[in-house]
Amino acid sequence: MVNLYISMDIQKTILFLQSEGYEHIKQIPGIGLCGLKRMAFTTGLFCNMDEEVYGYRYCFHSYREALKSLNEWDGVGDAPGNWIKRKGYGVDKSNPNYNKEDADIGYSS
């Protein structure tokens, strides 16, 4: 569903991203448009997206973990939660607090 309080350009971008398989797209202050997309072995929380490129992504074991992180993130610092790695623009880095034993290994939403 498109938020009526955002610009038509952003609404158009959100619709395009949804057509490309991104879900739960929302604007996070200081970060830009963010959303989730399932990948081969992980779920990505994609950040600073537009119709051509994304800035970076956080990789999570499960969709559930990624959605929780997206919903809790205020845009300050790194995304919260048990993400595995941040990849893309800037510095690629592993999560120093990542704990495989705590990971939600499931694929379901």
PDB file of N, CA and C in Angstrom:
ATOM      1  N   MET A   1       0.834  -1.171   0.000  1.00  0.00           N
ATOM      2  CA  MET A   1       0.000   0.000   0.000  1.00  0.00           C
ATOM      3  C   MET A   1       0.884   1.242   0.000  1.00  0.00           C
ATOM      4  N   VAL A   2       0.540   2.230  -0.772  1.00  0.00           N
ATOM      5  CA  VAL A   2       1.344   3.437  -0.911  1.00  0.00           C
ATOM      6  C   VAL A   2       0.861   4.487   0.085  1.00  0.00           C
ATOM      7  N   ASN A   3       1.791   5.107   0.792  1.00  0.00           N
ATOM      8  CA  ASN A   3       1.483   6.165   1.752  1.00  0.00           C
ATOM      9  C   ASN A   3       1.145   7.446   0.992  1.00  0.00           C
ATOM     10  N   LEU A   4      -0.007   8.041   1.267  1.00  0.00           N
ATOM     11  CA  LEU A   4      -0.441   9.236   0.551  1.00  0.00           C
ATOM     12  C   LEU A   4       0.313  10.487   0.970  1.00  0.00           C
ATOM     13  N   TYR A   5       1.103  10.422   2.035  1.00  0.00           N
ATOM     14  CA  TYR A   5       1.818  11.585   2.533  1.00  0.00           C
ATOM     15  C   TYR A   5       3.238  11.697   1.991  1.00  0.00           C
ATOM     16  N   ILE A   6       3.589  10.872   1.032  1.00  0.00           N
ATOM     17  CA  ILE A   6       4.892  10.990   0.400  1.00  0.00           C
ATOM     18  C   ILE A   6       4.707  11.445  -1.036  1.00  0.00           C
ATOM     19  N   SER A   7       5.765  11.974  -1.620  1.00  0.00           N
ATOM     20  CA  SER A   7       5.661  12.561  -2.950  1.00  0.00           C
ATOM     21  C   SER A   7       5.300  11.518  -4.007  1.00  0.00           C
ATOM     22  N   MET A   8       4.748  12.018  -5.108  1.00  0.00           N
ATOM     23  CA  MET A   8       4.396  11.135  -6.222  1.00  0.00           C
ATOM     24  C   MET A   8       5.635  10.442  -6.780  1.00  0.00           C
ATOM     25  N   ASP A   9       6.794  11.130  -6.804  1.00  0.00           N
ATOM     26  CA  ASP A   9       8.019  10.509  -7.298  1.00  0.00           C
ATOM     27  C   ASP A   9       8.406   9.312  -6.437  1.00  0.00           C
ATOM     28  N   ILE A  10       8.304   9.474  -5.126  1.00  0.00           N
ATOM     29  CA  ILE A  10       8.648   8.373  -4.223  1.00  0.00           C
ATOM     30  C   ILE A  10       7.626   7.251  -4.355  1.00  0.00           C
ATOM     31  N   GLN A  11       6.357   7.592  -4.500  1.00  0.00           N
ATOM     32  CA  GLN A  11       5.334   6.558  -4.694  1.00  0.00           C
ATOM     33  C   GLN A  11       5.611   5.758  -5.965  1.00  0.00           C
ATOM     34  N   LYS A  12       6.011   6.451  -7.022  1.00  0.00           N
ATOM     35  CA  LYS A  12       6.343   5.778  -8.292  1.00  0.00           C
ATOM     36  C   LYS A  12       7.538   4.843  -8.087  1.00  0.00           C
ATOM     37  N   THR A  13       8.532   5.304  -7.346  1.00  0.00           N
ATOM     38  CA  THR A  13       9.706   4.472  -7.069  1.00  0.00           C
ATOM     39  C   THR A  13       9.316   3.244  -6.260  1.00  0.00           C
ATOM     40  N   ILE A  14       8.472   3.423  -5.250  1.00  0.00           N
ATOM     41  CA  ILE A  14       8.026   2.296  -4.431  1.00  0.00           C
ATOM     42  C   ILE A  14       7.286   1.269  -5.285  1.00  0.00           C
ATOM     43  N   LEU A  15       6.409   1.723  -6.142  1.00  0.00           N
ATOM     44  CA  LEU A  15       5.681   0.798  -7.022  1.00  0.00           C
ATOM     45  C   LEU A  15       6.642   0.033  -7.929  1.00  0.00           C
ATOM     46  N   PHE A  16       7.641   0.726  -8.458  1.00  0.00           N
ATOM     47  CA  PHE A  16       8.639   0.060  -9.296  1.00  0.00           C
ATOM     48  C   PHE A  16       9.397  -0.995  -8.490  1.00  0.00           C
ATOM     49  N   LEU A  17       9.862  -0.626  -7.295  1.00  0.00           N
ATOM     50  CA  LEU A  17      10.619  -1.563  -6.459  1.00  0.00           C
ATOM     51  C   LEU A  17       9.771  -2.779  -6.090  1.00  0.00           C
ATOM     52  N   GLN A  18       8.495  -2.566  -5.823  1.00  0.00           N
ATOM     53  CA  GLN A  18       7.603  -3.691  -5.543  1.00  0.00           C
ATOM     54  C   GLN A  18       7.499  -4.612  -6.753  1.00  0.00           C
ATOM     55  N   SER A  19       7.467  -4.047  -7.939  1.00  0.00           N
ATOM     56  CA  SER A  19       7.400  -4.870  -9.151  1.00  0.00           C
ATOM     57  C   SER A  19       8.674  -5.676  -9.370  1.00  0.00           C
ATOM     58  N   GLU A  20       9.760  -5.236  -8.726  1.00  0.00           N
ATOM     59  CA  GLU A  20      11.044  -5.933  -8.821  1.00  0.00           C
ATOM     60  C   GLU A  20      11.242  -6.934  -7.679  1.00  0.00           C
ATOM     61  N   GLY A  21      10.235  -7.092  -6.826  1.00  0.00           N
ATOM     62  CA  GLY A  21      10.298  -8.100  -5.777  1.00  0.00           C
ATOM     63  C   GLY A  21      10.640  -7.597  -4.389  1.00  0.00           C
ATOM     64  N   TYR A  22      10.822  -6.299  -4.215  1.00  0.00           N
ATOM     65  CA  TYR A  22      11.101  -5.748  -2.885  1.00  0.00           C
ATOM     66  C   TYR A  22       9.788  -5.648  -2.113  1.00  0.00           C
ATOM     67  N   GLU A  23       9.855  -5.877  -0.808  1.00  0.00           N
ATOM     68  CA  GLU A  23       8.673  -5.854   0.043  1.00  0.00           C
ATOM     69  C   GLU A  23       8.911  -4.971   1.258  1.00  0.00           C
ATOM     70  N   HIS A  24       7.828  -4.558   1.900  1.00  0.00           N
ATOM     71  CA  HIS A  24       7.871  -3.757   3.132  1.00  0.00           C
ATOM     72  C   HIS A  24       8.732  -2.501   2.950  1.00  0.00           C
ATOM     73  N   ILE A  25       8.590  -1.844   1.841  1.00  0.00           N
ATOM     74  CA  ILE A  25       9.394  -0.659   1.521  1.00  0.00           C
ATOM     75  C   ILE A  25       8.912   0.515   2.358  1.00  0.00           C
ATOM     76  N   LYS A  26       9.864   1.192   2.984  1.00  0.00           N
ATOM     77  CA  LYS A  26       9.525   2.368   3.775  1.00  0.00           C
ATOM     78  C   LYS A  26      10.696   3.328   3.807  1.00  0.00           C
ATOM     79  N   GLN A  27      10.401   4.563   4.127  1.00  0.00           N
ATOM     80  CA  GLN A  27      11.412   5.604   4.234  1.00  0.00           C
ATOM     81  C   GLN A  27      11.919   5.620   5.673  1.00  0.00           C
ATOM     82  N   ILE A  28      13.241   5.526   5.834  1.00  0.00           N
ATOM     83  CA  ILE A  28      13.856   5.624   7.155  1.00  0.00           C
ATOM     84  C   ILE A  28      14.654   6.920   7.181  1.00  0.00           C
ATOM     85  N   PRO A  29      14.414   7.765   8.184  1.00  0.00           N
ATOM     86  CA  PRO A  29      15.108   9.058   8.265  1.00  0.00           C
ATOM     87  C   PRO A  29      16.627   8.896   8.215  1.00  0.00           C
ATOM     88  N   GLY A  30      17.261   9.690   7.366  1.00  0.00           N
ATOM     89  CA  GLY A  30      18.714   9.654   7.232  1.00  0.00           C
ATOM     90  C   GLY A  30      19.251   8.524   6.381  1.00  0.00           C
ATOM     91  N   ILE A  31      18.386   7.592   5.981  1.00  0.00           N
ATOM     92  CA  ILE A  31      18.817   6.422   5.198  1.00  0.00           C
ATOM     93  C   ILE A  31      18.187   6.435   3.817  1.00  0.00           C
ATOM     94  N   GLY A  32      16.920   6.780   3.713  1.00  0.00           N
ATOM     95  CA  GLY A  32      16.200   6.761   2.445  1.00  0.00           C
ATOM     96  C   GLY A  32      15.254   5.580   2.388  1.00  0.00           C
ATOM     97  N   LEU A  33      14.882   5.189   1.176  1.00  0.00           N
ATOM     98  CA  LEU A  33      13.972   4.054   1.009  1.00  0.00           C
ATOM     99  C   LEU A  33      14.688   2.756   1.334  1.00  0.00           C
ATOM    100  N   CYS A  34      14.041   1.932   2.145  1.00  0.00           N
ATOM    101  CA  CYS A  34      14.589   0.638   2.538  1.00  0.00           C
ATOM    102  C   CYS A  34      13.511  -0.415   2.349  1.00  0.00           C
ATOM    103  N   GLY A  35      13.927  -1.628   2.077  1.00  0.00           N
ATOM    104  CA  GLY A  35      12.975  -2.709   1.908  1.00  0.00           C
ATOM    105  C   GLY A  35      13.661  -4.059   1.936  1.00  0.00           C
ATOM    106  N   LEU A  36      12.865  -5.097   1.913  1.00  0.00           N
ATOM    107  CA  LEU A  36      13.373  -6.468   2.004  1.00  0.00           C
ATOM    108  C   LEU A  36      13.251  -7.186   0.670  1.00  0.00           C
ATOM    109  N   LYS A  37      14.193  -8.077   0.447  1.00  0.00           N
ATOM    110  CA  LYS A  37      14.118  -8.954  -0.727  1.00  0.00           C
ATOM    111  C   LYS A  37      14.788 -10.274  -0.377  1.00  0.00           C
ATOM    112  N   ARG A  38      14.087 -11.361  -0.696  1.00  0.00           N
ATOM    113  CA  ARG A  38      14.665 -12.687  -0.476  1.00  0.00           C
ATOM    114  C   ARG A  38      15.754 -12.929  -1.512  1.00  0.00           C
ATOM    115  N   MET A  39      16.816 -13.562  -1.046  1.00  0.00           N
ATOM    116  CA  MET A  39      17.929 -13.896  -1.928  1.00  0.00           C
ATOM    117  C   MET A  39      18.117 -15.417  -1.860  1.00  0.00           C
ATOM    118  N   ALA A  40      19.134 -15.931  -2.497  1.00  0.00           N
ATOM    119  CA  ALA A  40      19.313 -17.385  -2.568  1.00  0.00           C
ATOM    120  C   ALA A  40      19.418 -18.033  -1.184  1.00  0.00           C
ATOM    121  N   PHE A  41      20.227 -17.473  -0.296  1.00  0.00           N
ATOM    122  CA  PHE A  41      20.475 -18.102   0.998  1.00  0.00           C
ATOM    123  C   PHE A  41      20.158 -17.198   2.186  1.00  0.00           C
ATOM    124  N   THR A  42      19.869 -15.936   1.933  1.00  0.00           N
ATOM    125  CA  THR A  42      19.589 -14.979   2.994  1.00  0.00           C
ATOM    126  C   THR A  42      18.453 -14.057   2.557  1.00  0.00           C
ATOM    127  N   THR A  43      18.058 -13.173   3.466  1.00  0.00           N
ATOM    128  CA  THR A  43      17.146 -12.085   3.132  1.00  0.00           C
ATOM    129  C   THR A  43      17.921 -10.790   3.291  1.00  0.00           C
ATOM    130  N   GLY A  44      17.816  -9.917   2.298  1.00  0.00           N
ATOM    131  CA  GLY A  44      18.509  -8.642   2.351  1.00  0.00           C
ATOM    132  C   GLY A  44      17.599  -7.524   2.816  1.00  0.00           C
ATOM    133  N   LEU A  45      18.126  -6.690   3.701  1.00  0.00           N
ATOM    134  CA  LEU A  45      17.486  -5.426   4.046  1.00  0.00           C
ATOM    135  C   LEU A  45      18.248  -4.386   3.230  1.00  0.00           C
ATOM    136  N   PHE A  46      17.641  -3.925   2.148  1.00  0.00           N
ATOM    137  CA  PHE A  46      18.281  -3.022   1.200  1.00  0.00           C
ATOM    138  C   PHE A  46      18.030  -1.572   1.612  1.00  0.00           C
ATOM    139  N   CYS A  47      19.049  -0.741   1.503  1.00  0.00           N
ATOM    140  CA  CYS A  47      18.982   0.634   1.991  1.00  0.00           C
ATOM    141  C   CYS A  47      19.353   1.630   0.905  1.00  0.00           C
ATOM    142  N   ASN A  48      18.748   2.827   1.019  1.00  0.00           N
ATOM    143  CA  ASN A  48      19.031   3.927   0.101  1.00  0.00           C
ATOM    144  C   ASN A  48      18.745   3.516  -1.347  1.00  0.00           C
ATOM    145  N   MET A  49      17.538   2.995  -1.570  1.00  0.00           N
ATOM    146  CA  MET A  49      17.151   2.467  -2.880  1.00  0.00           C
ATOM    147  C   MET A  49      16.497   3.541  -3.742  1.00  0.00           C
ATOM    148  N   ASP A  50      16.706   3.396  -5.051  1.00  0.00           N
ATOM    149  CA  ASP A  50      15.925   4.139  -6.036  1.00  0.00           C
ATOM    150  C   ASP A  50      15.656   3.186  -7.193  1.00  0.00           C
ATOM    151  N   GLU A  51      15.220   3.696  -8.317  1.00  0.00           N
ATOM    152  CA  GLU A  51      14.859   2.806  -9.430  1.00  0.00           C
ATOM    153  C   GLU A  51      16.061   2.209 -10.144  1.00  0.00           C
ATOM    154  N   GLU A  52      17.254   2.676  -9.848  1.00  0.00           N
ATOM    155  CA  GLU A  52      18.433   2.183 -10.557  1.00  0.00           C
ATOM    156  C   GLU A  52      19.415   1.421  -9.683  1.00  0.00           C
ATOM    157  N   VAL A  53      19.492   1.751  -8.405  1.00  0.00           N
ATOM    158  CA  VAL A  53      20.563   1.205  -7.576  1.00  0.00           C
ATOM    159  C   VAL A  53      20.158   1.250  -6.106  1.00  0.00           C
ATOM    160  N   TYR A  54      20.849   0.465  -5.308  1.00  0.00           N
ATOM    161  CA  TYR A  54      20.716   0.589  -3.853  1.00  0.00           C
ATOM    162  C   TYR A  54      22.092   0.923  -3.297  1.00  0.00           C
ATOM    163  N   GLY A  55      22.109   1.542  -2.116  1.00  0.00           N
ATOM    164  CA  GLY A  55      23.385   1.927  -1.525  1.00  0.00           C
ATOM    165  C   GLY A  55      24.113   0.761  -0.882  1.00  0.00           C
ATOM    166  N   TYR A  56      23.413  -0.001  -0.072  1.00  0.00           N
ATOM    167  CA  TYR A  56      24.003  -1.130   0.638  1.00  0.00           C
ATOM    168  C   TYR A  56      22.884  -2.011   1.157  1.00  0.00           C
ATOM    169  N   ARG A  57      23.271  -3.176   1.683  1.00  0.00           N
ATOM    170  CA  ARG A  57      22.277  -4.092   2.237  1.00  0.00           C
ATOM    171  C   ARG A  57      22.859  -4.804   3.448  1.00  0.00           C
ATOM    172  N   TYR A  58      21.957  -5.229   4.310  1.00  0.00           N
ATOM    173  CA  TYR A  58      22.301  -6.083   5.439  1.00  0.00           C
ATOM    174  C   TYR A  58      21.753  -7.468   5.136  1.00  0.00           C
ATOM    175  N   CYS A  59      22.556  -8.496   5.348  1.00  0.00           N
ATOM    176  CA  CYS A  59      22.138  -9.871   5.090  1.00  0.00           C
ATOM    177  C   CYS A  59      21.712 -10.533   6.401  1.00  0.00           C
ATOM    178  N   PHE A  60      20.531 -11.131   6.390  1.00  0.00           N
ATOM    179  CA  PHE A  60      19.982 -11.836   7.547  1.00  0.00           C
ATOM    180  C   PHE A  60      19.712 -13.282   7.172  1.00  0.00           C
ATOM    181  N   HIS A  61      19.768 -14.177   8.161  1.00  0.00           N
ATOM    182  CA  HIS A  61      19.444 -15.580   7.908  1.00  0.00           C
ATOM    183  C   HIS A  61      18.000 -15.760   7.485  1.00  0.00           C
ATOM    184  N   SER A  62      17.091 -14.988   8.085  1.00  0.00           N
ATOM    185  CA  SER A  62      15.686 -15.223   7.793  1.00  0.00           C
ATOM    186  C   SER A  62      14.958 -13.925   7.464  1.00  0.00           C
ATOM    187  N   TYR A  63      13.860 -14.095   6.789  1.00  0.00           N
ATOM    188  CA  TYR A  63      12.978 -12.970   6.463  1.00  0.00           C
ATOM    189  C   TYR A  63      12.443 -12.347   7.747  1.00  0.00           C
ATOM    190  N   ARG A  64      12.093 -13.198   8.708  1.00  0.00           N
ATOM    191  CA  ARG A  64      11.554 -12.739   9.982  1.00  0.00           C
ATOM    192  C   ARG A  64      12.522 -11.787  10.691  1.00  0.00           C
ATOM    193  N   GLU A  65      13.803 -12.168  10.732  1.00  0.00           N
ATOM    194  CA  GLU A  65      14.821 -11.320  11.376  1.00  0.00           C
ATOM    195  C   GLU A  65      14.971  -9.985  10.641  1.00  0.00           C
ATOM    196  N   ALA A  66      14.972 -10.037   9.322  1.00  0.00           N
ATOM    197  CA  ALA A  66      15.136  -8.816   8.528  1.00  0.00           C
ATOM    198  C   ALA A  66      13.946  -7.875   8.717  1.00  0.00           C
ATOM    199  N   LEU A  67      12.735  -8.427   8.740  1.00  0.00           N
ATOM    200  CA  LEU A  67      11.542  -7.611   8.929  1.00  0.00           C
ATOM    201  C   LEU A  67      11.537  -6.966  10.316  1.00  0.00           C
ATOM    202  N   LYS A  68      11.921  -7.701  11.322  1.00  0.00           N
ATOM    203  CA  LYS A  68      12.002  -7.150  12.684  1.00  0.00           C
ATOM    204  C   LYS A  68      12.993  -5.989  12.718  1.00  0.00           C
ATOM    205  N   SER A  69      14.133  -6.162  12.088  1.00  0.00           N
ATOM    206  CA  SER A  69      15.144  -5.117  12.048  1.00  0.00           C
ATOM    207  C   SER A  69      14.621  -3.875  11.327  1.00  0.00           C
ATOM    208  N   LEU A  70      13.998  -4.071  10.163  1.00  0.00           N
ATOM    209  CA  LEU A  70      13.450  -2.949   9.397  1.00  0.00           C
ATOM    210  C   LEU A  70      12.429  -2.183  10.229  1.00  0.00           C
ATOM    211  N   ASN A  71      11.574  -2.883  10.936  1.00  0.00           N
ATOM    212  CA  ASN A  71      10.526  -2.237  11.721  1.00  0.00           C
ATOM    213  C   ASN A  71      11.060  -1.511  12.953  1.00  0.00           C
ATOM    214  N   GLU A  72      12.185  -1.953  13.478  1.00  0.00           N
ATOM    215  CA  GLU A  72      12.749  -1.348  14.690  1.00  0.00           C
ATOM    216  C   GLU A  72      13.773  -0.250  14.409  1.00  0.00           C
ATOM    217  N   TRP A  73      14.309  -0.183  13.213  1.00  0.00           N
ATOM    218  CA  TRP A  73      15.422   0.714  12.914  1.00  0.00           C
ATOM    219  C   TRP A  73      14.970   2.162  12.828  1.00  0.00           C
ATOM    220  N   ASP A  74      15.668   3.017  13.555  1.00  0.00           N
ATOM    221  CA  ASP A  74      15.375   4.456  13.522  1.00  0.00           C
ATOM    222  C   ASP A  74      16.333   5.215  12.599  1.00  0.00           C
ATOM    223  N   GLY A  75      17.231   4.508  11.939  1.00  0.00           N
ATOM    224  CA  GLY A  75      18.168   5.131  11.014  1.00  0.00           C
ATOM    225  C   GLY A  75      19.483   5.543  11.653  1.00  0.00           C
ATOM    226  N   VAL A  76      19.585   5.358  12.952  1.00  0.00           N
ATOM    227  CA  VAL A  76      20.817   5.717  13.667  1.00  0.00           C
ATOM    228  C   VAL A  76      21.717   4.490  13.725  1.00  0.00           C
ATOM    229  N   GLY A  77      22.959   4.649  13.292  1.00  0.00           N
ATOM    230  CA  GLY A  77      23.898   3.528  13.313  1.00  0.00           C
ATOM    231  C   GLY A  77      23.508   2.434  12.336  1.00  0.00           C
ATOM    232  N   ASP A  78      24.022   1.248  12.590  1.00  0.00           N
ATOM    233  CA  ASP A  78      23.687   0.099  11.756  1.00  0.00           C
ATOM    234  C   ASP A  78      22.298  -0.418  12.104  1.00  0.00           C
ATOM    235  N   ALA A  79      21.745  -1.198  11.199  1.00  0.00           N
ATOM    236  CA  ALA A  79      20.449  -1.834  11.440  1.00  0.00           C
ATOM    237  C   ALA A  79      20.545  -2.692  12.699  1.00  0.00           C
ATOM    238  N   PRO A  80      19.482  -2.711  13.502  1.00  0.00           N
ATOM    239  CA  PRO A  80      19.506  -3.549  14.699  1.00  0.00           C
ATOM    240  C   PRO A  80      19.356  -5.024  14.336  1.00  0.00           C
ATOM    241  N   GLY A  81      19.715  -5.863  15.264  1.00  0.00           N
ATOM    242  CA  GLY A  81      19.464  -7.285  15.080  1.00  0.00           C
ATOM    243  C   GLY A  81      20.702  -8.092  14.741  1.00  0.00           C
ATOM    244  N   ASN A  82      20.446  -9.340  14.469  1.00  0.00           N
ATOM    245  CA  ASN A  82      21.498 -10.331  14.271  1.00  0.00           C
ATOM    246  C   ASN A  82      21.819 -10.499  12.777  1.00  0.00           C
ATOM    247  N   TRP A  83      22.145  -9.368  12.107  1.00  0.00           N
ATOM    248  CA  TRP A  83      22.530  -9.450  10.705  1.00  0.00           C
ATOM    249  C   TRP A  83      23.917 -10.068  10.594  1.00  0.00           C
ATOM    250  N   ILE A  84      24.179 -10.652   9.436  1.00  0.00           N
ATOM    251  CA  ILE A  84      25.435 -11.359   9.213  1.00  0.00           C
ATOM    252  C   ILE A  84      26.505 -10.401   8.705  1.00  0.00           C
ATOM    253  N   LYS A  85      26.159  -9.658   7.647  1.00  0.00           N
ATOM    254  CA  LYS A  85      27.131  -8.808   6.978  1.00  0.00           C
ATOM    255  C   LYS A  85      26.437  -7.633   6.324  1.00  0.00           C
ATOM    256  N   ARG A  86      27.139  -6.502   6.262  1.00  0.00           N
ATOM    257  CA  ARG A  86      26.695  -5.341   5.491  1.00  0.00           C
ATOM    258  C   ARG A  86      27.547  -5.296   4.232  1.00  0.00           C
ATOM    259  N   LYS A  87      26.889  -5.168   3.078  1.00  0.00           N
ATOM    260  CA  LYS A  87      27.591  -5.153   1.793  1.00  0.00           C
ATOM    261  C   LYS A  87      27.124  -3.970   0.968  1.00  0.00           C
ATOM    262  N   GLY A  88      28.016  -3.428   0.154  1.00  0.00           N
ATOM    263  CA  GLY A  88      27.639  -2.371  -0.767  1.00  0.00           C
ATOM    264  C   GLY A  88      28.470  -1.130  -0.591  1.00  0.00           C
ATOM    265  N   TYR A  89      27.833   0.020  -0.883  1.00  0.00           N
ATOM    266  CA  TYR A  89      28.522   1.309  -0.836  1.00  0.00           C
ATOM    267  C   TYR A  89      29.147   1.529   0.532  1.00  0.00           C
ATOM    268  N   GLY A  90      30.356   2.046   0.529  1.00  0.00           N
ATOM    269  CA  GLY A  90      31.055   2.260   1.793  1.00  0.00           C
ATOM    270  C   GLY A  90      31.849   1.028   2.152  1.00  0.00           C
ATOM    271  N   VAL A  91      31.849   0.697   3.402  1.00  0.00           N
ATOM    272  CA  VAL A  91      32.661  -0.407   3.901  1.00  0.00           C
ATOM    273  C   VAL A  91      31.817  -1.669   4.050  1.00  0.00           C
ATOM    274  N   ASP A  92      32.269  -2.766   3.433  1.00  0.00           N
ATOM    275  CA  ASP A  92      31.663  -4.062   3.704  1.00  0.00           C
ATOM    276  C   ASP A  92      32.152  -4.492   5.083  1.00  0.00           C
ATOM    277  N   LYS A  93      31.236  -4.968   5.910  1.00  0.00           N
ATOM    278  CA  LYS A  93      31.674  -5.388   7.240  1.00  0.00           C
ATOM    279  C   LYS A  93      30.800  -6.490   7.785  1.00  0.00           C
ATOM    280  N   SER A  94      31.410  -7.313   8.599  1.00  0.00           N
ATOM    281  CA  SER A  94      30.687  -8.340   9.320  1.00  0.00           C
ATOM    282  C   SER A  94      30.152  -7.740  10.608  1.00  0.00           C
ATOM    283  N   ASN A  95      29.050  -8.276  11.088  1.00  0.00           N
ATOM    284  CA  ASN A  95      28.462  -7.815  12.335  1.00  0.00           C
ATOM    285  C   ASN A  95      29.308  -8.341  13.495  1.00  0.00           C
ATOM    286  N   PRO A  96      29.930  -7.453  14.276  1.00  0.00           N
ATOM    287  CA  PRO A  96      30.769  -7.921  15.380  1.00  0.00           C
ATOM    288  C   PRO A  96      29.954  -8.626  16.468  1.00  0.00           C
ATOM    289  N   ASN A  97      28.633  -8.411  16.471  1.00  0.00           N
ATOM    290  CA  ASN A  97      27.764  -9.034  17.476  1.00  0.00           C
ATOM    291  C   ASN A  97      26.980 -10.222  16.927  1.00  0.00           C
ATOM    292  N   TYR A  98      27.273 -10.625  15.698  1.00  0.00           N
ATOM    293  CA  TYR A  98      26.540 -11.737  15.085  1.00  0.00           C
ATOM    294  C   TYR A  98      26.756 -13.013  15.885  1.00  0.00           C
ATOM    295  N   ASN A  99      25.668 -13.738  16.116  1.00  0.00           N
ATOM    296  CA  ASN A  99      25.736 -14.997  16.848  1.00  0.00           C
ATOM    297  C   ASN A  99      24.925 -16.031  16.075  1.00  0.00           C
ATOM    298  N   LYS A 100      25.616 -16.950  15.443  1.00  0.00           N
ATOM    299  CA  LYS A 100      24.941 -17.957  14.614  1.00  0.00           C
ATOM    300  C   LYS A 100      23.956 -18.794  15.416  1.00  0.00           C
ATOM    301  N   GLU A 101      24.287 -19.061  16.681  1.00  0.00           N
ATOM    302  CA  GLU A 101      23.405 -19.874  17.513  1.00  0.00           C
ATOM    303  C   GLU A 101      22.063 -19.171  17.764  1.00  0.00           C
ATOM    304  N   ASP A 102      22.070 -17.835  17.745  1.00  0.00           N
ATOM    305  CA  ASP A 102      20.840 -17.065  17.966  1.00  0.00           C
ATOM    306  C   ASP A 102      20.080 -16.790  16.674  1.00  0.00           C
ATOM    307  N   ALA A 103      20.656 -17.160  15.544  1.00  0.00           N
ATOM    308  CA  ALA A 103      20.043 -16.846  14.248  1.00  0.00           C
ATOM    309  C   ALA A 103      18.749 -17.645  14.068  1.00  0.00           C
ATOM    310  N   ASP A 104      17.767 -16.968  13.527  1.00  0.00           N
ATOM    311  CA  ASP A 104      16.508 -17.589  13.133  1.00  0.00           C
ATOM    312  C   ASP A 104      16.752 -18.144  11.736  1.00  0.00           C
ATOM    313  N   ILE A 105      17.037 -19.417  11.625  1.00  0.00           N
ATOM    314  CA  ILE A 105      17.465 -20.023  10.370  1.00  0.00           C
ATOM    315  C   ILE A 105      16.299 -20.223   9.404  1.00  0.00           C
ATOM    316  N   GLY A 106      15.072 -20.080   9.869  1.00  0.00           N
ATOM    317  CA  GLY A 106      13.902 -20.326   9.032  1.00  0.00           C
ATOM    318  C   GLY A 106      13.784 -19.347   7.870  1.00  0.00           C
ATOM    319  N   TYR A 107      13.088 -19.772   6.819  1.00  0.00           N
ATOM    320  CA  TYR A 107      12.872 -18.962   5.611  1.00  0.00           C
ATOM    321  C   TYR A 107      11.526 -18.274   5.641  1.00  0.00           C
ATOM    322  N   SER A 108      10.630 -18.745   6.487  1.00  0.00           N
ATOM    323  CA  SER A 108       9.249 -18.237   6.447  1.00  0.00           C
ATOM    324  C   SER A 108       9.148 -16.819   6.983  1.00  0.00           C
ATOM    325  N   SER A 109       8.052 -16.165   6.619  1.00  0.00           N
ATOM    326  CA  SER A 109       7.843 -14.786   7.056  1.00  0.00           C
ATOM    327  C   SER A 109       7.217 -14.721   8.431  1.00  0.00           C
TER     328      SER A 109
END
